[in-house]
Amino acid sequence: MSIISSYDVDSSAALTKRFAALATTYVDDPTVAKSDTAKVPLENLFRILEMFRYDAFADEGAGYEVEFTSLAGNTLAVVTVPASAIRGS
C-alpha cells in the first residue's frame, strides 16, 4: 500500500524562487539576457513590475491589463490601467 498525500501540493513557492533566480541571472549577465530563451521571463518580470507600479495588486479597485496587438497578432504593448480609465466602468 502506497502512501499518497490527500492534499494538492502548492508549487507556487518553488516556482517563484525559480523565477527570481532566473531573473537575477539575466540582470547579473546581460549577454544571457539577450538570448531568445530570456525573452518570455523578462517580459513577465516587466509585467509584474508594471503591476506593482500601478498598485494592481491592491484589492481596493479593479484594474485591467490591456494588450495592444498588430494585425499579425504580435504584441506591441501591454498596459495596466485602473478601472476608472476604462470607459463604461
Foldseek 3Di string as FASTA:
>chain_A
DDDDDPDDDDCVVVVVVVLVVLVVVCVVDVVVCPDPVNVVSVVVVVVVVQCVVVVCVDPPFHKDWDFDADPVGHTPDIHIGTPVVDPPD
